[in-house]
Amino acid sequence: MNNDIRVPEVRLVGDNIEVGVYPTKQALAKAEELELDLVEISPKASPPVCKIMDYKKFLYEQKKREKAIKAKTTKVVIKEIRFGPQTDEHDFEFKKKHAEKFLKDGAKVKAYVFFKGRSIVYKDQGEILLLRLASELEELGKVEQMPKLEGKRMTMFLAPKKTK
């Protein structure tokens, strides 16, 4: 930027400027005349490309754009619901209501069956339980990952359906 540019000549671009190759001192004089900064855009080019602009304003607008982009991104919330392989009907309904609420709020649901001790022999019951949950919640959410056994846990992910 400005006096930090150490090459003998630069290709000059910018608003209200005739594009061309100028000696660096002449490019700096033009920038000072317009009360703006001479900023090196492409140092690898031959000769390096410089632009006459208000550098502080450029930085400000760049930060503003980044902030707008950051504001548009949404944070994905994952809620967990834990079942046992022999979860009875009332508990299943209770946890299903919670899963419905999470999906309506736009959060993803991670439903898992935790197998304690020797209850791993009931892994088919755990899978049936998770598939039943998925089928009962299919109008609110879609299955993102089918039930999968990882160690002592069988996990399934549900994502909310897009509502218009």
C-alpha atoms as a PDB file:
ATOM      1  CA  MET A   1       0.000   0.000   0.000  1.00  0.00           C
ATOM      2  CA  ASN A   2       1.227   3.518  -0.861  1.00  0.00           C
ATOM      3  CA  ASN A   3       4.963   3.914  -0.072  1.00  0.00           C
ATOM      4  CA  ASP A   4       5.381   0.174   0.708  1.00  0.00           C
ATOM      5  CA  ILE A   5       5.204  -0.653  -3.025  1.00  0.00           C
ATOM      6  CA  ARG A   6       8.847  -1.258  -4.040  1.00  0.00           C
ATOM      7  CA  VAL A   7       8.639  -1.933  -7.798  1.00  0.00           C
ATOM      8  CA  PRO A   8       9.735   0.568 -10.494  1.00  0.00           C
ATOM      9  CA  GLU A   9       6.432   0.491 -12.435  1.00  0.00           C
ATOM     10  CA  VAL A  10       2.858  -0.713 -11.906  1.00  0.00           C
ATOM     11  CA  ARG A  11      -0.245  -1.373 -13.963  1.00  0.00           C
ATOM     12  CA  LEU A  12      -2.847   1.072 -12.653  1.00  0.00           C
ATOM     13  CA  VAL A  13      -6.596   0.417 -12.477  1.00  0.00           C
ATOM     14  CA  GLY A  14      -9.436   2.137 -10.644  1.00  0.00           C
ATOM     15  CA  ASP A  15     -12.342   4.537 -10.996  1.00  0.00           C
ATOM     16  CA  ASN A  16     -11.787   7.759 -13.008  1.00  0.00           C
ATOM     17  CA  ILE A  17      -8.296   6.605 -14.026  1.00  0.00           C
ATOM     18  CA  GLU A  18      -6.882   5.758 -17.407  1.00  0.00           C
ATOM     19  CA  VAL A  19      -5.784   2.130 -17.225  1.00  0.00           C
ATOM     20  CA  GLY A  20      -2.125   1.631 -18.134  1.00  0.00           C
ATOM     21  CA  VAL A  21       1.434   1.045 -16.964  1.00  0.00           C
ATOM     22  CA  TYR A  22       2.876   3.962 -14.930  1.00  0.00           C
ATOM     23  CA  PRO A  23       6.062   4.547 -12.942  1.00  0.00           C
ATOM     24  CA  THR A  24       5.317   3.924  -9.235  1.00  0.00           C
ATOM     25  CA  LYS A  25       6.055   7.575  -8.277  1.00  0.00           C
ATOM     26  CA  GLN A  26       3.567   8.864 -10.867  1.00  0.00           C
ATOM     27  CA  ALA A  27       0.903   6.353  -9.665  1.00  0.00           C
ATOM     28  CA  LEU A  28       1.464   7.515  -6.058  1.00  0.00           C
ATOM     29  CA  ALA A  29       1.153  11.165  -7.165  1.00  0.00           C
ATOM     30  CA  LYS A  30      -2.195  10.387  -8.870  1.00  0.00           C
ATOM     31  CA  ALA A  31      -3.441   8.648  -5.732  1.00  0.00           C
ATOM     32  CA  GLU A  32      -2.432  11.619  -3.540  1.00  0.00           C
ATOM     33  CA  GLU A  33      -4.030  14.021  -5.990  1.00  0.00           C
ATOM     34  CA  LEU A  34      -7.360  12.146  -5.600  1.00  0.00           C
ATOM     35  CA  GLU A  35      -6.768  11.871  -1.804  1.00  0.00           C
ATOM     36  CA  LEU A  36      -6.963   8.081  -2.005  1.00  0.00           C
ATOM     37  CA  ASP A  37      -4.596   5.147  -1.441  1.00  0.00           C
ATOM     38  CA  LEU A  38      -2.539   3.178  -3.966  1.00  0.00           C
ATOM     39  CA  VAL A  39      -3.173  -0.492  -3.113  1.00  0.00           C
ATOM     40  CA  GLU A  40      -1.350  -3.440  -4.660  1.00  0.00           C
ATOM     41  CA  ILE A  41      -3.970  -5.965  -5.799  1.00  0.00           C
ATOM     42  CA  SER A  42      -1.989  -8.551  -7.743  1.00  0.00           C
ATOM     43  CA  PRO A  43       1.712  -8.552  -6.760  1.00  0.00           C
ATOM     44  CA  LYS A  44       2.537 -11.670  -8.840  1.00  0.00           C
ATOM     45  CA  ALA A  45       1.539 -10.055 -12.173  1.00  0.00           C
ATOM     46  CA  SER A  46       4.122  -8.464 -14.411  1.00  0.00           C
ATOM     47  CA  PRO A  47       4.049  -5.500 -13.792  1.00  0.00           C
ATOM     48  CA  PRO A  48       2.141  -5.705 -10.453  1.00  0.00           C
ATOM     49  CA  VAL A  49      -1.472  -4.462 -10.601  1.00  0.00           C
ATOM     50  CA  CYS A  50      -2.377  -1.549  -8.307  1.00  0.00           C
ATOM     51  CA  LYS A  51      -5.697   0.151  -7.720  1.00  0.00           C
ATOM     52  CA  ILE A  52      -6.451   3.640  -6.470  1.00  0.00           C
ATOM     53  CA  MET A  53      -9.137   3.407  -3.775  1.00  0.00           C
ATOM     54  CA  ASP A  54     -10.073   4.433  -0.233  1.00  0.00           C
ATOM     55  CA  TYR A  55      -8.447   1.570   1.674  1.00  0.00           C
ATOM     56  CA  LYS A  56     -10.192   2.237   5.026  1.00  0.00           C
ATOM     57  CA  LYS A  57     -13.584   2.291   3.304  1.00  0.00           C
ATOM     58  CA  PHE A  58     -12.699  -0.931   1.476  1.00  0.00           C
ATOM     59  CA  LEU A  59     -11.825  -2.665   4.782  1.00  0.00           C
ATOM     60  CA  TYR A  60     -15.011  -1.373   6.396  1.00  0.00           C
ATOM     61  CA  GLU A  61     -17.210  -2.692   3.587  1.00  0.00           C
ATOM     62  CA  GLN A  62     -15.396  -6.024   3.573  1.00  0.00           C
ATOM     63  CA  LYS A  63     -16.051  -6.449   7.322  1.00  0.00           C
ATOM     64  CA  LYS A  64     -19.675  -5.457   6.762  1.00  0.00           C
ATOM     65  CA  ARG A  65     -20.073  -8.121   4.038  1.00  0.00           C
ATOM     66  CA  GLU A  66     -18.473 -10.804   6.234  1.00  0.00           C
ATOM     67  CA  LYS A  67     -20.785  -9.869   9.118  1.00  0.00           C
ATOM     68  CA  ALA A  68     -23.849 -10.125   6.834  1.00  0.00           C
ATOM     69  CA  ILE A  69     -22.734 -13.551   5.605  1.00  0.00           C
ATOM     70  CA  LYS A  70     -22.154 -14.703   9.180  1.00  0.00           C
ATOM     71  CA  ALA A  71     -25.623 -13.484  10.219  1.00  0.00           C
ATOM     72  CA  LYS A  72     -27.261 -15.504   7.430  1.00  0.00           C
ATOM     73  CA  THR A  73     -25.703 -18.806   8.497  1.00  0.00           C
ATOM     74  CA  THR A  74     -27.794 -20.922  10.843  1.00  0.00           C
ATOM     75  CA  LYS A  75     -26.475 -22.933  13.738  1.00  0.00           C
ATOM     76  CA  VAL A  76     -27.500 -26.591  13.624  1.00  0.00           C
ATOM     77  CA  VAL A  77     -28.876 -27.739  16.963  1.00  0.00           C
ATOM     78  CA  ILE A  78     -28.793 -31.464  17.760  1.00  0.00           C
ATOM     79  CA  LYS A  79     -31.016 -32.795  20.533  1.00  0.00           C
ATOM     80  CA  GLU A  80     -30.495 -36.290  21.920  1.00  0.00           C
ATOM     81  CA  ILE A  81     -33.116 -38.793  23.030  1.00  0.00           C
ATOM     82  CA  ARG A  82     -31.998 -41.929  24.817  1.00  0.00           C
ATOM     83  CA  PHE A  83     -33.869 -45.213  24.902  1.00  0.00           C
ATOM     84  CA  GLY A  84     -33.166 -48.573  26.496  1.00  0.00           C
ATOM     85  CA  PRO A  85     -33.735 -51.779  24.529  1.00  0.00           C
ATOM     86  CA  GLN A  86     -36.837 -52.582  26.629  1.00  0.00           C
ATOM     87  CA  THR A  87     -38.360 -49.076  26.762  1.00  0.00           C
ATOM     88  CA  ASP A  88     -42.055 -49.536  27.554  1.00  0.00           C
ATOM     89  CA  GLU A  89     -44.990 -47.893  25.740  1.00  0.00           C
ATOM     90  CA  HIS A  90     -45.543 -44.897  28.059  1.00  0.00           C
ATOM     91  CA  ASP A  91     -41.863 -43.895  28.076  1.00  0.00           C
ATOM     92  CA  PHE A  92     -41.702 -44.305  24.292  1.00  0.00           C
ATOM     93  CA  GLU A  93     -44.704 -41.973  23.807  1.00  0.00           C
ATOM     94  CA  PHE A  94     -43.261 -39.442  26.266  1.00  0.00           C
ATOM     95  CA  LYS A  95     -39.913 -39.355  24.462  1.00  0.00           C
ATOM     96  CA  LYS A  96     -41.631 -39.284  21.070  1.00  0.00           C
ATOM     97  CA  LYS A  97     -43.487 -36.089  22.146  1.00  0.00           C
ATOM     98  CA  HIS A  98     -40.137 -34.504  23.013  1.00  0.00           C
ATOM     99  CA  ALA A  99     -38.731 -35.519  19.622  1.00  0.00           C
ATOM    100  CA  GLU A 100     -41.797 -33.963  17.920  1.00  0.00           C
ATOM    101  CA  LYS A 101     -41.211 -30.701  19.791  1.00  0.00           C
ATOM    102  CA  PHE A 102     -37.501 -30.668  18.832  1.00  0.00           C
ATOM    103  CA  LEU A 103     -38.292 -31.283  15.150  1.00  0.00           C
ATOM    104  CA  LYS A 104     -40.976 -28.552  15.150  1.00  0.00           C
ATOM    105  CA  ASP A 105     -38.413 -26.142  16.632  1.00  0.00           C
ATOM    106  CA  GLY A 106     -36.080 -26.951  13.714  1.00  0.00           C
ATOM    107  CA  ALA A 107     -33.490 -28.995  15.619  1.00  0.00           C
ATOM    108  CA  LYS A 108     -32.043 -32.306  14.476  1.00  0.00           C
ATOM    109  CA  VAL A 109     -32.777 -35.305  16.695  1.00  0.00           C
ATOM    110  CA  LYS A 110     -30.230 -37.947  17.577  1.00  0.00           C
ATOM    111  CA  ALA A 111     -32.179 -40.916  18.917  1.00  0.00           C
ATOM    112  CA  TYR A 112     -30.141 -43.738  20.366  1.00  0.00           C
ATOM    113  CA  VAL A 113     -30.617 -46.986  22.223  1.00  0.00           C
ATOM    114  CA  PHE A 114     -28.011 -47.589  24.898  1.00  0.00           C
ATOM    115  CA  PHE A 115     -27.237 -51.212  25.651  1.00  0.00           C
ATOM    116  CA  LYS A 116     -26.054 -51.784  29.243  1.00  0.00           C
ATOM    117  CA  GLY A 117     -24.144 -54.892  30.202  1.00  0.00           C
ATOM    118  CA  ARG A 118     -25.483 -57.971  28.435  1.00  0.00           C
ATOM    119  CA  SER A 119     -28.531 -56.234  26.964  1.00  0.00           C
ATOM    120  CA  ILE A 120     -26.573 -56.049  23.671  1.00  0.00           C
ATOM    121  CA  VAL A 121     -28.263 -59.362  22.816  1.00  0.00           C
ATOM    122  CA  TYR A 122     -31.457 -57.324  22.252  1.00  0.00           C
ATOM    123  CA  LYS A 123     -29.990 -55.193  19.450  1.00  0.00           C
ATOM    124  CA  ASP A 124     -32.852 -56.233  17.125  1.00  0.00           C
ATOM    125  CA  GLN A 125     -35.353 -54.801  19.656  1.00  0.00           C
ATOM    126  CA  GLY A 126     -33.363 -51.549  19.716  1.00  0.00           C
ATOM    127  CA  GLU A 127     -33.447 -51.305  15.928  1.00  0.00           C
ATOM    128  CA  ILE A 128     -37.211 -51.984  15.869  1.00  0.00           C
ATOM    129  CA  LEU A 129     -37.690 -49.237  18.491  1.00  0.00           C
ATOM    130  CA  LEU A 130     -35.737 -46.662  16.437  1.00  0.00           C
ATOM    131  CA  LEU A 131     -37.477 -47.591  13.177  1.00  0.00           C
ATOM    132  CA  ARG A 132     -40.864 -47.289  14.918  1.00  0.00           C
ATOM    133  CA  LEU A 133     -39.884 -43.809  16.138  1.00  0.00           C
ATOM    134  CA  ALA A 134     -38.852 -42.846  12.585  1.00  0.00           C
ATOM    135  CA  SER A 135     -42.120 -44.101  11.072  1.00  0.00           C
ATOM    136  CA  GLU A 136     -44.244 -42.282  13.683  1.00  0.00           C
ATOM    137  CA  LEU A 137     -42.338 -39.003  13.116  1.00  0.00           C
ATOM    138  CA  GLU A 138     -42.105 -39.205   9.311  1.00  0.00           C
ATOM    139  CA  GLU A 139     -44.540 -36.297   8.739  1.00  0.00           C
ATOM    140  CA  LEU A 140     -42.301 -34.006  10.850  1.00  0.00           C
ATOM    141  CA  GLY A 141     -38.820 -35.237   9.984  1.00  0.00           C
ATOM    142  CA  LYS A 142     -36.886 -37.440   7.628  1.00  0.00           C
ATOM    143  CA  VAL A 143     -34.312 -40.055   8.560  1.00  0.00           C
ATOM    144  CA  GLU A 144     -30.843 -38.703   7.889  1.00  0.00           C
ATOM    145  CA  GLN A 145     -29.007 -41.818   9.061  1.00  0.00           C
ATOM    146  CA  MET A 146     -30.591 -45.237   9.507  1.00  0.00           C
ATOM    147  CA  PRO A 147     -30.020 -47.052  12.829  1.00  0.00           C
ATOM    148  CA  LYS A 148     -26.364 -47.998  13.101  1.00  0.00           C
ATOM    149  CA  LEU A 149     -24.658 -49.886  15.912  1.00  0.00           C
ATOM    150  CA  GLU A 150     -21.527 -48.179  17.284  1.00  0.00           C
ATOM    151  CA  GLY A 151     -20.125 -49.967  20.318  1.00  0.00           C
ATOM    152  CA  LYS A 152     -22.882 -50.134  22.933  1.00  0.00           C
ATOM    153  CA  ARG A 153     -25.072 -47.556  21.159  1.00  0.00           C
ATOM    154  CA  MET A 154     -27.419 -47.849  18.213  1.00  0.00           C
ATOM    155  CA  THR A 155     -27.814 -44.373  16.751  1.00  0.00           C
ATOM    156  CA  MET A 156     -30.245 -42.806  14.275  1.00  0.00           C
ATOM    157  CA  PHE A 157     -30.470 -39.182  13.097  1.00  0.00           C
ATOM    158  CA  LEU A 158     -33.692 -37.363  12.169  1.00  0.00           C
ATOM    159  CA  ALA A 159     -33.695 -33.983  10.421  1.00  0.00           C
ATOM    160  CA  PRO A 160     -36.717 -31.658  10.374  1.00  0.00           C
ATOM    161  CA  LYS A 161     -38.599 -31.403   7.092  1.00  0.00           C
ATOM    162  CA  LYS A 162     -38.519 -27.968   5.483  1.00  0.00           C
ATOM    163  CA  THR A 163     -41.781 -26.107   6.086  1.00  0.00           C
ATOM    164  CA  LYS A 164     -42.930 -23.398   3.709  1.00  0.00           C
END
